[in-house]
PDB file of N, CA and C in Angstrom:
ATOM      1  N   MET A   1     165.073 120.054 -56.249  1.00  0.00           N
ATOM      2  CA  MET A   1     163.799 120.334 -56.071  1.00  0.00           C
ATOM      3  C   MET A   1     163.620 120.806 -54.644  1.00  0.00           C
ATOM      4  N   ILE A   2     162.971 121.896 -54.477  1.00  0.00           N
ATOM      5  CA  ILE A   2     162.637 122.368 -53.106  1.00  0.00           C
ATOM      6  C   ILE A   2     161.208 121.985 -52.753  1.00  0.00           C
ATOM      7  N   VAL A   3     161.052 121.265 -51.578  1.00  0.00           N
ATOM      8  CA  VAL A   3     159.731 121.054 -51.057  1.00  0.00           C
ATOM      9  C   VAL A   3     159.400 121.888 -49.993  1.00  0.00           C
ATOM     10  N   VAL A   4     158.201 122.775 -50.156  1.00  0.00           N
ATOM     11  CA  VAL A   4     157.657 123.559 -49.047  1.00  0.00           C
ATOM     12  C   VAL A   4     156.597 123.002 -48.327  1.00  0.00           C
ATOM     13  N   LYS A   5     156.605 122.784 -47.138  1.00  0.00           N
ATOM     14  CA  LYS A   5     155.702 122.078 -46.175  1.00  0.00           C
ATOM     15  C   LYS A   5     154.666 123.127 -45.864  1.00  0.00           C
ATOM     16  N   LYS A   6     153.330 123.048 -46.190  1.00  0.00           N
ATOM     17  CA  LYS A   6     152.381 123.951 -45.888  1.00  0.00           C
ATOM     18  C   LYS A   6     151.917 123.744 -44.396  1.00  0.00           C
ATOM     19  N   THR A   7     151.921 124.807 -43.708  1.00  0.00           N
ATOM     20  CA  THR A   7     151.443 124.771 -42.249  1.00  0.00           C
ATOM     21  C   THR A   7     149.938 124.728 -42.083  1.00  0.00           C
ATOM     22  N   MET A   8     149.332 123.839 -41.315  1.00  0.00           N
ATOM     23  CA  MET A   8     148.090 123.704 -41.226  1.00  0.00           C
ATOM     24  C   MET A   8     147.675 124.813 -40.010  1.00  0.00           C
ATOM     25  N   LEU A   9     146.455 125.414 -40.330  1.00  0.00           N
ATOM     26  CA  LEU A   9     145.981 126.454 -39.320  1.00  0.00           C
ATOM     27  C   LEU A   9     144.650 125.796 -38.857  1.00  0.00           C
ATOM     28  N   PRO A  10     144.324 126.095 -37.645  1.00  0.00           N
ATOM     29  CA  PRO A  10     144.997 127.049 -36.725  1.00  0.00           C
ATOM     30  C   PRO A  10     146.021 126.468 -35.931  1.00  0.00           C
ATOM     31  N   ILE A  11     146.940 127.510 -35.508  1.00  0.00           N
ATOM     32  CA  ILE A  11     147.967 127.174 -34.499  1.00  0.00           C
ATOM     33  C   ILE A  11     147.628 127.908 -33.166  1.00  0.00           C
ATOM     34  N   LYS A  12     147.618 127.132 -32.147  1.00  0.00           N
ATOM     35  CA  LYS A  12     147.452 127.698 -30.918  1.00  0.00           C
ATOM     36  C   LYS A  12     148.448 127.106 -29.859  1.00  0.00           C
ATOM     37  N   ARG A  13     149.338 127.974 -29.413  1.00  0.00           N
ATOM     38  CA  ARG A  13     150.460 127.592 -28.573  1.00  0.00           C
ATOM     39  C   ARG A  13     150.698 128.454 -27.311  1.00  0.00           C
ATOM     40  N   SER A  14     150.771 127.851 -26.130  1.00  0.00           N
ATOM     41  CA  SER A  14     151.101 128.541 -24.964  1.00  0.00           C
ATOM     42  C   SER A  14     152.037 127.890 -24.068  1.00  0.00           C
ATOM     43  N   ARG A  15     152.999 128.650 -23.557  1.00  0.00           N
ATOM     44  CA  ARG A  15     154.106 128.126 -22.700  1.00  0.00           C
ATOM     45  C   ARG A  15     154.567 129.076 -21.691  1.00  0.00           C
ATOM     46  N   VAL A  16     154.863 128.501 -20.574  1.00  0.00           N
ATOM     47  CA  VAL A  16     155.369 129.202 -19.410  1.00  0.00           C
ATOM     48  C   VAL A  16     156.848 129.328 -19.395  1.00  0.00           C
ATOM     49  N   VAL A  17     157.445 130.374 -19.308  1.00  0.00           N
ATOM     50  CA  VAL A  17     158.960 130.572 -19.171  1.00  0.00           C
ATOM     51  C   VAL A  17     159.409 131.329 -17.874  1.00  0.00           C
ATOM     52  N   ILE A  18     160.436 130.871 -17.162  1.00  0.00           N
ATOM     53  CA  ILE A  18     160.966 131.655 -16.193  1.00  0.00           C
ATOM     54  C   ILE A  18     162.327 132.275 -16.831  1.00  0.00           C
ATOM     55  N   ALA A  19     162.213 133.669 -16.556  1.00  0.00           N
ATOM     56  CA  ALA A  19     163.292 134.438 -16.944  1.00  0.00           C
ATOM     57  C   ALA A  19     164.494 134.318 -15.961  1.00  0.00           C
ATOM     58  N   LYS A  20     165.706 134.658 -16.421  1.00  0.00           N
ATOM     59  CA  LYS A  20     166.823 134.632 -15.502  1.00  0.00           C
ATOM     60  C   LYS A  20     166.531 135.504 -14.184  1.00  0.00           C
ATOM     61  N   SER A  21     165.637 136.546 -14.329  1.00  0.00           N
ATOM     62  CA  SER A  21     165.311 137.346 -13.151  1.00  0.00           C
ATOM     63  C   SER A  21     164.377 136.684 -12.271  1.00  0.00           C
ATOM     64  N   ASN A  22     164.055 135.336 -12.681  1.00  0.00           N
ATOM     65  CA  ASN A  22     163.001 134.667 -11.841  1.00  0.00           C
ATOM     66  C   ASN A  22     161.616 135.041 -12.147  1.00  0.00           C
ATOM     67  N   ASP A  23     161.346 135.986 -13.029  1.00  0.00           N
ATOM     68  CA  ASP A  23     159.887 136.412 -13.260  1.00  0.00           C
ATOM     69  C   ASP A  23     159.306 135.419 -14.252  1.00  0.00           C
ATOM     70  N   LEU A  24     157.939 135.017 -13.959  1.00  0.00           N
ATOM     71  CA  LEU A  24     157.208 134.220 -14.853  1.00  0.00           C
ATOM     72  C   LEU A  24     156.465 134.808 -15.898  1.00  0.00           C
ATOM     73  N   PHE A  25     156.708 134.341 -17.094  1.00  0.00           N
ATOM     74  CA  PHE A  25     156.096 134.820 -18.373  1.00  0.00           C
ATOM     75  C   PHE A  25     155.285 133.680 -18.971  1.00  0.00           C
ATOM     76  N   VAL A  26     154.112 134.105 -19.653  1.00  0.00           N
ATOM     77  CA  VAL A  26     153.343 133.220 -20.503  1.00  0.00           C
ATOM     78  C   VAL A  26     153.577 133.740 -21.884  1.00  0.00           C
ATOM     79  N   ILE A  27     153.984 132.858 -22.809  1.00  0.00           N
ATOM     80  CA  ILE A  27     154.153 133.147 -24.205  1.00  0.00           C
ATOM     81  C   ILE A  27     153.078 132.469 -24.919  1.00  0.00           C
ATOM     82  N   GLU A  28     152.331 133.326 -25.719  1.00  0.00           N
ATOM     83  CA  GLU A  28     151.143 132.841 -26.562  1.00  0.00           C
ATOM     84  C   GLU A  28     151.091 133.191 -27.813  1.00  0.00           C
ATOM     85  N   VAL A  29     150.765 132.219 -28.913  1.00  0.00           N
ATOM     86  CA  VAL A  29     150.687 132.346 -30.175  1.00  0.00           C
ATOM     87  C   VAL A  29     149.415 131.737 -30.618  1.00  0.00           C
ATOM     88  N   SER A  30     148.664 132.670 -31.630  1.00  0.00           N
ATOM     89  CA  SER A  30     147.283 132.320 -31.997  1.00  0.00           C
ATOM     90  C   SER A  30     147.380 132.690 -33.477  1.00  0.00           C
ATOM     91  N   ILE A  31     147.175 131.760 -34.311  1.00  0.00           N
ATOM     92  CA  ILE A  31     147.151 132.060 -35.846  1.00  0.00           C
ATOM     93  C   ILE A  31     145.917 131.191 -36.432  1.00  0.00           C
ATOM     94  N   GLU A  32     144.934 131.797 -37.062  1.00  0.00           N
ATOM     95  CA  GLU A  32     143.940 131.283 -37.496  1.00  0.00           C
ATOM     96  C   GLU A  32     143.325 131.740 -38.788  1.00  0.00           C
ATOM     97  N   GLN A  33     142.788 131.038 -39.616  1.00  0.00           N
ATOM     98  CA  GLN A  33     142.126 131.456 -40.738  1.00  0.00           C
ATOM     99  C   GLN A  33     140.731 131.900 -40.553  1.00  0.00           C
ATOM    100  N   THR A  34     140.430 133.135 -41.071  1.00  0.00           N
ATOM    101  CA  THR A  34     138.948 133.667 -40.717  1.00  0.00           C
ATOM    102  C   THR A  34     138.295 133.920 -42.312  1.00  0.00           C
ATOM    103  N   ASP A  35     137.153 134.197 -42.155  1.00  0.00           N
ATOM    104  CA  ASP A  35     136.469 134.612 -43.395  1.00  0.00           C
ATOM    105  C   ASP A  35     136.374 135.939 -43.585  1.00  0.00           C
ATOM    106  N   ASP A  36     137.137 136.860 -42.790  1.00  0.00           N
ATOM    107  CA  ASP A  36     137.041 138.292 -42.761  1.00  0.00           C
ATOM    108  C   ASP A  36     138.262 138.909 -43.369  1.00  0.00           C
ATOM    109  N   PHE A  37     138.180 138.680 -44.793  1.00  0.00           N
ATOM    110  CA  PHE A  37     139.333 139.118 -45.551  1.00  0.00           C
ATOM    111  C   PHE A  37     139.544 140.672 -45.737  1.00  0.00           C
ATOM    112  N   ASP A  38     138.392 141.387 -45.467  1.00  0.00           N
ATOM    113  CA  ASP A  38     138.595 142.790 -45.232  1.00  0.00           C
ATOM    114  C   ASP A  38     139.305 143.270 -44.136  1.00  0.00           C
ATOM    115  N   LYS A  39     139.016 142.720 -42.835  1.00  0.00           N
ATOM    116  CA  LYS A  39     139.623 143.027 -41.672  1.00  0.00           C
ATOM    117  C   LYS A  39     141.146 142.507 -41.507  1.00  0.00           C
ATOM    118  N   TYR A  40     141.327 141.360 -42.295  1.00  0.00           N
ATOM    119  CA  TYR A  40     142.596 140.635 -42.142  1.00  0.00           C
ATOM    120  C   TYR A  40     143.204 140.466 -43.598  1.00  0.00           C
ATOM    121  N   PRO A  41     143.414 141.436 -44.448  1.00  0.00           N
ATOM    122  CA  PRO A  41     143.828 141.314 -45.785  1.00  0.00           C
ATOM    123  C   PRO A  41     145.308 140.705 -45.827  1.00  0.00           C
ATOM    124  N   PRO A  42     145.762 140.185 -46.908  1.00  0.00           N
ATOM    125  CA  PRO A  42     144.902 139.783 -48.069  1.00  0.00           C
ATOM    126  C   PRO A  42     144.341 138.373 -47.985  1.00  0.00           C
ATOM    127  N   ASP A  43     144.697 137.731 -47.086  1.00  0.00           N
ATOM    128  CA  ASP A  43     144.342 136.268 -46.880  1.00  0.00           C
ATOM    129  C   ASP A  43     143.284 135.837 -45.876  1.00  0.00           C
ATOM    130  N   GLY A  44     143.048 136.776 -44.989  1.00  0.00           N
ATOM    131  CA  GLY A  44     141.998 136.560 -43.887  1.00  0.00           C
ATOM    132  C   GLY A  44     142.629 135.795 -42.646  1.00  0.00           C
ATOM    133  N   ILE A  45     143.806 135.760 -42.721  1.00  0.00           N
ATOM    134  CA  ILE A  45     144.562 135.170 -41.406  1.00  0.00           C
ATOM    135  C   ILE A  45     144.929 136.171 -40.464  1.00  0.00           C
ATOM    136  N   LYS A  46     144.224 135.713 -39.180  1.00  0.00           N
ATOM    137  CA  LYS A  46     144.317 136.639 -37.924  1.00  0.00           C
ATOM    138  C   LYS A  46     145.565 135.957 -37.070  1.00  0.00           C
ATOM    139  N   ALA A  47     146.425 136.706 -36.619  1.00  0.00           N
ATOM    140  CA  ALA A  47     147.769 136.302 -36.032  1.00  0.00           C
ATOM    141  C   ALA A  47     147.853 137.171 -34.779  1.00  0.00           C
ATOM    142  N   THR A  48     148.043 136.479 -33.567  1.00  0.00           N
ATOM    143  CA  THR A  48     148.167 137.253 -32.344  1.00  0.00           C
ATOM    144  C   THR A  48     149.361 136.608 -31.562  1.00  0.00           C
ATOM    145  N   PHE A  49     150.419 137.492 -31.074  1.00  0.00           N
ATOM    146  CA  PHE A  49     151.511 136.935 -30.449  1.00  0.00           C
ATOM    147  C   PHE A  49     151.524 137.882 -29.230  1.00  0.00           C
ATOM    148  N   ARG A  50     151.509 137.133 -27.936  1.00  0.00           N
ATOM    149  CA  ARG A  50     151.506 137.733 -26.739  1.00  0.00           C
ATOM    150  C   ARG A  50     152.395 137.384 -25.753  1.00  0.00           C
ATOM    151  N   ILE A  51     153.128 138.232 -24.876  1.00  0.00           N
ATOM    152  CA  ILE A  51     153.892 137.874 -23.917  1.00  0.00           C
ATOM    153  C   ILE A  51     153.235 138.565 -22.574  1.00  0.00           C
ATOM    154  N   LEU A  52     152.784 137.681 -21.682  1.00  0.00           N
ATOM    155  CA  LEU A  52     152.320 138.191 -20.367  1.00  0.00           C
ATOM    156  C   LEU A  52     153.161 137.879 -19.156  1.00  0.00           C
ATOM    157  N   LYS A  53     153.347 138.862 -18.338  1.00  0.00           N
ATOM    158  CA  LYS A  53     154.127 138.637 -17.129  1.00  0.00           C
ATOM    159  C   LYS A  53     153.061 138.240 -16.044  1.00  0.00           C
ATOM    160  N   SER A  54     153.432 137.005 -15.499  1.00  0.00           N
ATOM    161  CA  SER A  54     152.530 136.511 -14.575  1.00  0.00           C
ATOM    162  C   SER A  54     152.984 136.863 -13.059  1.00  0.00           C
ATOM    163  N   SER A  55     151.899 137.036 -12.323  1.00  0.00           N
ATOM    164  CA  SER A  55     152.076 137.410 -10.900  1.00  0.00           C
ATOM    165  C   SER A  55     152.356 136.226 -10.152  1.00  0.00           C
ATOM    166  N   GLY A  56     151.953 134.942 -10.657  1.00  0.00           N
ATOM    167  CA  GLY A  56     152.046 133.689 -10.030  1.00  0.00           C
ATOM    168  C   GLY A  56     150.917 133.363  -9.250  1.00  0.00           C
ATOM    169  N   GLY A  57     149.944 134.311  -9.178  1.00  0.00           N
ATOM    170  CA  GLY A  57     148.934 134.058  -8.167  1.00  0.00           C
ATOM    171  C   GLY A  57     147.585 134.204  -9.009  1.00  0.00           C
ATOM    172  N   VAL A  58     146.418 134.535  -8.371  1.00  0.00           N
ATOM    173  CA  VAL A  58     145.174 134.603  -9.138  1.00  0.00           C
ATOM    174  C   VAL A  58     144.968 135.885  -9.780  1.00  0.00           C
ATOM    175  N   GLU A  59     145.864 136.931  -9.581  1.00  0.00           N
ATOM    176  CA  GLU A  59     145.809 138.153 -10.106  1.00  0.00           C
ATOM    177  C   GLU A  59     145.856 138.079 -11.742  1.00  0.00           C
ATOM    178  N   GLU A  60     145.298 139.036 -12.467  1.00  0.00           N
ATOM    179  CA  GLU A  60     145.411 139.099 -13.742  1.00  0.00           C
ATOM    180  C   GLU A  60     146.831 139.269 -14.233  1.00  0.00           C
ATOM    181  N   ASN A  61     147.216 138.589 -15.346  1.00  0.00           N
ATOM    182  CA  ASN A  61     148.745 138.596 -15.926  1.00  0.00           C
ATOM    183  C   ASN A  61     148.804 140.036 -16.536  1.00  0.00           C
ATOM    184  N   GLU A  62     149.967 140.536 -16.575  1.00  0.00           N
ATOM    185  CA  GLU A  62     150.202 141.970 -17.160  1.00  0.00           C
ATOM    186  C   GLU A  62     150.734 141.678 -18.659  1.00  0.00           C
ATOM    187  N   LEU A  63     150.066 142.229 -19.551  1.00  0.00           N
ATOM    188  CA  LEU A  63     150.484 142.274 -21.006  1.00  0.00           C
ATOM    189  C   LEU A  63     151.529 143.042 -21.208  1.00  0.00           C
ATOM    190  N   VAL A  64     152.811 142.429 -21.778  1.00  0.00           N
ATOM    191  CA  VAL A  64     153.929 143.294 -21.934  1.00  0.00           C
ATOM    192  C   VAL A  64     154.429 143.247 -23.242  1.00  0.00           C
ATOM    193  N   VAL A  65     153.941 142.172 -24.232  1.00  0.00           N
ATOM    194  CA  VAL A  65     154.285 142.332 -25.705  1.00  0.00           C
ATOM    195  C   VAL A  65     152.868 141.941 -26.362  1.00  0.00           C
ATOM    196  N   LEU A  66     152.514 142.708 -27.247  1.00  0.00           N
ATOM    197  CA  LEU A  66     151.464 142.336 -28.234  1.00  0.00           C
ATOM    198  C   LEU A  66     151.767 142.621 -29.576  1.00  0.00           C
ATOM    199  N   ILE A  67     151.849 141.683 -30.474  1.00  0.00           N
ATOM    200  CA  ILE A  67     151.996 141.752 -31.860  1.00  0.00           C
ATOM    201  C   ILE A  67     150.839 141.096 -32.566  1.00  0.00           C
ATOM    202  N   ASP A  68     150.132 141.840 -33.385  1.00  0.00           N
ATOM    203  CA  ASP A  68     149.031 141.272 -34.144  1.00  0.00           C
ATOM    204  C   ASP A  68     148.723 142.079 -35.549  1.00  0.00           C
ATOM    205  N   ASN A  69     147.770 141.605 -36.101  1.00  0.00           N
ATOM    206  CA  ASN A  69     147.396 142.174 -37.416  1.00  0.00           C
ATOM    207  C   ASN A  69     145.971 142.478 -37.652  1.00  0.00           C
ATOM    208  N   HIS A  70     145.589 143.637 -38.247  1.00  0.00           N
ATOM    209  CA  HIS A  70     144.331 143.865 -38.595  1.00  0.00           C
ATOM    210  C   HIS A  70     144.369 145.275 -39.315  1.00  0.00           C
ATOM    211  N   LYS A  71     143.377 145.510 -39.955  1.00  0.00           N
ATOM    212  CA  LYS A  71     143.301 146.791 -40.752  1.00  0.00           C
ATOM    213  C   LYS A  71     142.936 148.011 -39.709  1.00  0.00           C
ATOM    214  N   PRO A  72     143.446 149.169 -39.868  1.00  0.00           N
ATOM    215  CA  PRO A  72     144.418 149.525 -41.010  1.00  0.00           C
ATOM    216  C   PRO A  72     145.854 149.578 -40.708  1.00  0.00           C
ATOM    217  N   PHE A  73     146.147 148.693 -39.702  1.00  0.00           N
ATOM    218  CA  PHE A  73     147.658 148.824 -39.313  1.00  0.00           C
ATOM    219  C   PHE A  73     148.472 147.844 -39.929  1.00  0.00           C
ATOM    220  N   ASP A  74     147.970 146.643 -40.505  1.00  0.00           N
ATOM    221  CA  ASP A  74     148.724 145.582 -41.023  1.00  0.00           C
ATOM    222  C   ASP A  74     149.313 144.864 -39.676  1.00  0.00           C
ATOM    223  N   TYR A  75     150.587 144.303 -39.852  1.00  0.00           N
ATOM    224  CA  TYR A  75     151.263 143.711 -38.823  1.00  0.00           C
ATOM    225  C   TYR A  75     151.828 144.782 -37.947  1.00  0.00           C
ATOM    226  N   HIS A  76     151.599 144.761 -36.496  1.00  0.00           N
ATOM    227  CA  HIS A  76     152.174 145.933 -35.758  1.00  0.00           C
ATOM    228  C   HIS A  76     152.341 145.403 -34.345  1.00  0.00           C
ATOM    229  N   GLU A  77     153.067 146.082 -33.618  1.00  0.00           N
ATOM    230  CA  GLU A  77     153.296 145.954 -32.275  1.00  0.00           C
ATOM    231  C   GLU A  77     152.770 147.052 -31.375  1.00  0.00           C
ATOM    232  N   HIS A  78     152.029 146.593 -30.305  1.00  0.00           N
ATOM    233  CA  HIS A  78     151.567 147.603 -29.342  1.00  0.00           C
ATOM    234  C   HIS A  78     152.798 148.083 -28.591  1.00  0.00           C
ATOM    235  N   ASP A  79     153.323 149.106 -28.937  1.00  0.00           N
ATOM    236  CA  ASP A  79     154.821 149.491 -28.467  1.00  0.00           C
ATOM    237  C   ASP A  79     154.928 150.089 -27.131  1.00  0.00           C
ATOM    238  N   LYS A  80     153.780 150.447 -26.426  1.00  0.00           N
ATOM    239  CA  LYS A  80     153.994 151.130 -25.251  1.00  0.00           C
ATOM    240  C   LYS A  80     153.245 150.454 -24.139  1.00  0.00           C
ATOM    241  N   LEU A  81     153.194 149.171 -24.180  1.00  0.00           N
ATOM    242  CA  LEU A  81     152.566 148.213 -23.104  1.00  0.00           C
ATOM    243  C   LEU A  81     153.561 148.204 -21.890  1.00  0.00           C
ATOM    244  N   PRO A  82     152.953 148.093 -20.806  1.00  0.00           N
ATOM    245  CA  PRO A  82     151.556 147.885 -20.535  1.00  0.00           C
ATOM    246  C   PRO A  82     150.775 149.162 -20.188  1.00  0.00           C
ATOM    247  N   GLU A  83     151.418 150.254 -20.243  1.00  0.00           N
ATOM    248  CA  GLU A  83     150.795 151.408 -19.913  1.00  0.00           C
ATOM    249  C   GLU A  83     149.659 151.969 -20.916  1.00  0.00           C
ATOM    250  N   GLU A  84     149.901 151.843 -22.292  1.00  0.00           N
ATOM    251  CA  GLU A  84     149.000 152.437 -23.251  1.00  0.00           C
ATOM    252  C   GLU A  84     148.835 151.253 -24.240  1.00  0.00           C
ATOM    253  N   HIS A  85     147.738 150.716 -24.332  1.00  0.00           N
ATOM    254  CA  HIS A  85     147.221 149.786 -25.300  1.00  0.00           C
ATOM    255  C   HIS A  85     147.169 150.154 -26.646  1.00  0.00           C
ATOM    256  N   ASN A  86     146.553 151.426 -26.858  1.00  0.00           N
ATOM    257  CA  ASN A  86     146.300 151.871 -28.224  1.00  0.00           C
ATOM    258  C   ASN A  86     147.462 152.362 -28.969  1.00  0.00           C
ATOM    259  N   SER A  87     148.640 152.525 -28.454  1.00  0.00           N
ATOM    260  CA  SER A  87     149.753 152.891 -29.314  1.00  0.00           C
ATOM    261  C   SER A  87     150.284 151.667 -30.087  1.00  0.00           C
ATOM    262  N   ARG A  88     150.545 151.921 -31.363  1.00  0.00           N
ATOM    263  CA  ARG A  88     150.975 150.894 -32.381  1.00  0.00           C
ATOM    264  C   ARG A  88     152.002 151.429 -33.275  1.00  0.00           C
ATOM    265  N   LYS A  89     152.970 150.432 -33.605  1.00  0.00           N
ATOM    266  CA  LYS A  89     153.935 150.521 -34.494  1.00  0.00           C
ATOM    267  C   LYS A  89     153.950 149.466 -35.516  1.00  0.00           C
ATOM    268  N   ARG A  90     154.007 149.751 -36.791  1.00  0.00           N
ATOM    269  CA  ARG A  90     154.231 148.803 -37.933  1.00  0.00           C
ATOM    270  C   ARG A  90     155.567 148.099 -37.737  1.00  0.00           C
ATOM    271  N   ILE A  91     155.551 146.776 -37.911  1.00  0.00           N
ATOM    272  CA  ILE A  91     156.852 146.083 -37.739  1.00  0.00           C
ATOM    273  C   ILE A  91     157.493 145.527 -39.013  1.00  0.00           C
ATOM    274  N   GLY A  92     156.665 145.920 -40.152  1.00  0.00           N
ATOM    275  CA  GLY A  92     157.178 145.476 -41.405  1.00  0.00           C
ATOM    276  C   GLY A  92     157.170 143.951 -41.815  1.00  0.00           C
ATOM    277  N   ALA A  93     156.427 143.263 -41.087  1.00  0.00           N
ATOM    278  CA  ALA A  93     156.235 141.883 -41.587  1.00  0.00           C
ATOM    279  C   ALA A  93     155.184 141.817 -42.605  1.00  0.00           C
ATOM    280  N   ASN A  94     155.378 140.838 -43.606  1.00  0.00           N
ATOM    281  CA  ASN A  94     154.387 140.802 -44.656  1.00  0.00           C
ATOM    282  C   ASN A  94     153.540 139.626 -44.573  1.00  0.00           C
ATOM    283  N   ASN A  95     153.813 138.837 -43.616  1.00  0.00           N
ATOM    284  CA  ASN A  95     152.867 137.514 -43.181  1.00  0.00           C
ATOM    285  C   ASN A  95     153.133 137.136 -41.970  1.00  0.00           C
ATOM    286  N   TRP A  96     152.256 136.051 -41.385  1.00  0.00           N
ATOM    287  CA  TRP A  96     152.323 135.645 -39.997  1.00  0.00           C
ATOM    288  C   TRP A  96     153.720 134.961 -39.678  1.00  0.00           C
ATOM    289  N   GLN A  97     154.406 134.304 -40.840  1.00  0.00           N
ATOM    290  CA  GLN A  97     155.605 133.818 -40.398  1.00  0.00           C
ATOM    291  C   GLN A  97     156.747 134.767 -40.095  1.00  0.00           C
ATOM    292  N   GLU A  98     156.636 135.899 -40.797  1.00  0.00           N
ATOM    293  CA  GLU A  98     157.630 136.941 -40.462  1.00  0.00           C
ATOM    294  C   GLU A  98     157.432 137.708 -39.076  1.00  0.00           C
ATOM    295  N   ALA A  99     156.246 137.739 -38.948  1.00  0.00           N
ATOM    296  CA  ALA A  99     155.655 138.360 -37.613  1.00  0.00           C
ATOM    297  C   ALA A  99     156.184 137.390 -36.546  1.00  0.00           C
ATOM    298  N   TRP A 100     156.189 136.070 -36.662  1.00  0.00           N
ATOM    299  CA  TRP A 100     156.392 135.107 -35.560  1.00  0.00           C
ATOM    300  C   TRP A 100     157.865 135.320 -35.391  1.00  0.00           C
ATOM    301  N   GLN A 101     158.660 135.332 -36.417  1.00  0.00           N
ATOM    302  CA  GLN A 101     160.179 135.554 -36.350  1.00  0.00           C
ATOM    303  C   GLN A 101     160.443 136.933 -35.506  1.00  0.00           C
ATOM    304  N   LEU A 102     159.828 137.882 -35.839  1.00  0.00           N
ATOM    305  CA  LEU A 102     160.185 139.053 -34.943  1.00  0.00           C
ATOM    306  C   LEU A 102     159.671 138.810 -33.461  1.00  0.00           C
ATOM    307  N   PHE A 103     158.561 138.226 -33.404  1.00  0.00           N
ATOM    308  CA  PHE A 103     158.098 137.913 -32.003  1.00  0.00           C
ATOM    309  C   PHE A 103     159.049 137.178 -31.257  1.00  0.00           C
ATOM    310  N   ASP A 104     159.684 136.006 -31.936  1.00  0.00           N
ATOM    311  CA  ASP A 104     160.733 135.236 -31.145  1.00  0.00           C
ATOM    312  C   ASP A 104     161.818 136.206 -30.691  1.00  0.00           C
ATOM    313  N   LEU A 105     162.269 137.077 -31.480  1.00  0.00           N
ATOM    314  CA  LEU A 105     163.316 138.035 -30.975  1.00  0.00           C
ATOM    315  C   LEU A 105     162.788 138.800 -29.844  1.00  0.00           C
ATOM    316  N   LYS A 106     161.686 139.216 -29.637  1.00  0.00           N
ATOM    317  CA  LYS A 106     161.147 139.797 -28.553  1.00  0.00           C
ATOM    318  C   LYS A 106     161.085 139.053 -27.347  1.00  0.00           C
ATOM    319  N   VAL A 107     160.766 137.765 -27.489  1.00  0.00           N
ATOM    320  CA  VAL A 107     160.733 136.792 -26.447  1.00  0.00           C
ATOM    321  C   VAL A 107     162.035 136.724 -25.843  1.00  0.00           C
ATOM    322  N   LYS A 108     163.006 136.611 -26.813  1.00  0.00           N
ATOM    323  CA  LYS A 108     164.491 136.269 -26.195  1.00  0.00           C
ATOM    324  C   LYS A 108     164.905 137.585 -25.602  1.00  0.00           C
ATOM    325  N   GLU A 109     164.479 138.855 -25.912  1.00  0.00           N
ATOM    326  CA  GLU A 109     164.794 140.130 -25.243  1.00  0.00           C
ATOM    327  C   GLU A 109     164.209 140.329 -23.826  1.00  0.00           C
ATOM    328  N   VAL A 110     162.887 139.811 -23.770  1.00  0.00           N
ATOM    329  CA  VAL A 110     162.081 139.927 -22.468  1.00  0.00           C
ATOM    330  C   VAL A 110     162.640 139.038 -21.446  1.00  0.00           C
ATOM    331  N   ILE A 111     162.937 137.767 -21.926  1.00  0.00           N
ATOM    332  CA  ILE A 111     163.146 136.764 -20.835  1.00  0.00           C
ATOM    333  C   ILE A 111     164.789 136.627 -20.511  1.00  0.00           C
ATOM    334  N   LYS A 112     165.474 137.468 -21.145  1.00  0.00           N
ATOM    335  CA  LYS A 112     167.003 137.301 -21.064  1.00  0.00           C
ATOM    336  C   LYS A 112     167.534 137.627 -19.466  1.00  0.00           C
TER     337      LYS A 112
END
């Protein structure tokens, strides 16, 4: 018998990582249940995965990776950051768990 553990939402995680290049990155994951089933079909779950490059000072962090989900794009990456926030590319994820797996690959790619 296979037992599947149900993950309790919301999930809010944030961590700081120092890349081999000594650049400082903030990794953020936010997954929450909403009542907006129209904007976040089919289950109303809003997922946001971000990597920000930190200046280490009081200046604003630079958004370098953003994966999120909403209509009409489903799960997608803002693929031309930081220059162009409005460019999007579907990533082929069917749920937040698959999107998180793809995000983890992006994290490894950025901080290598």
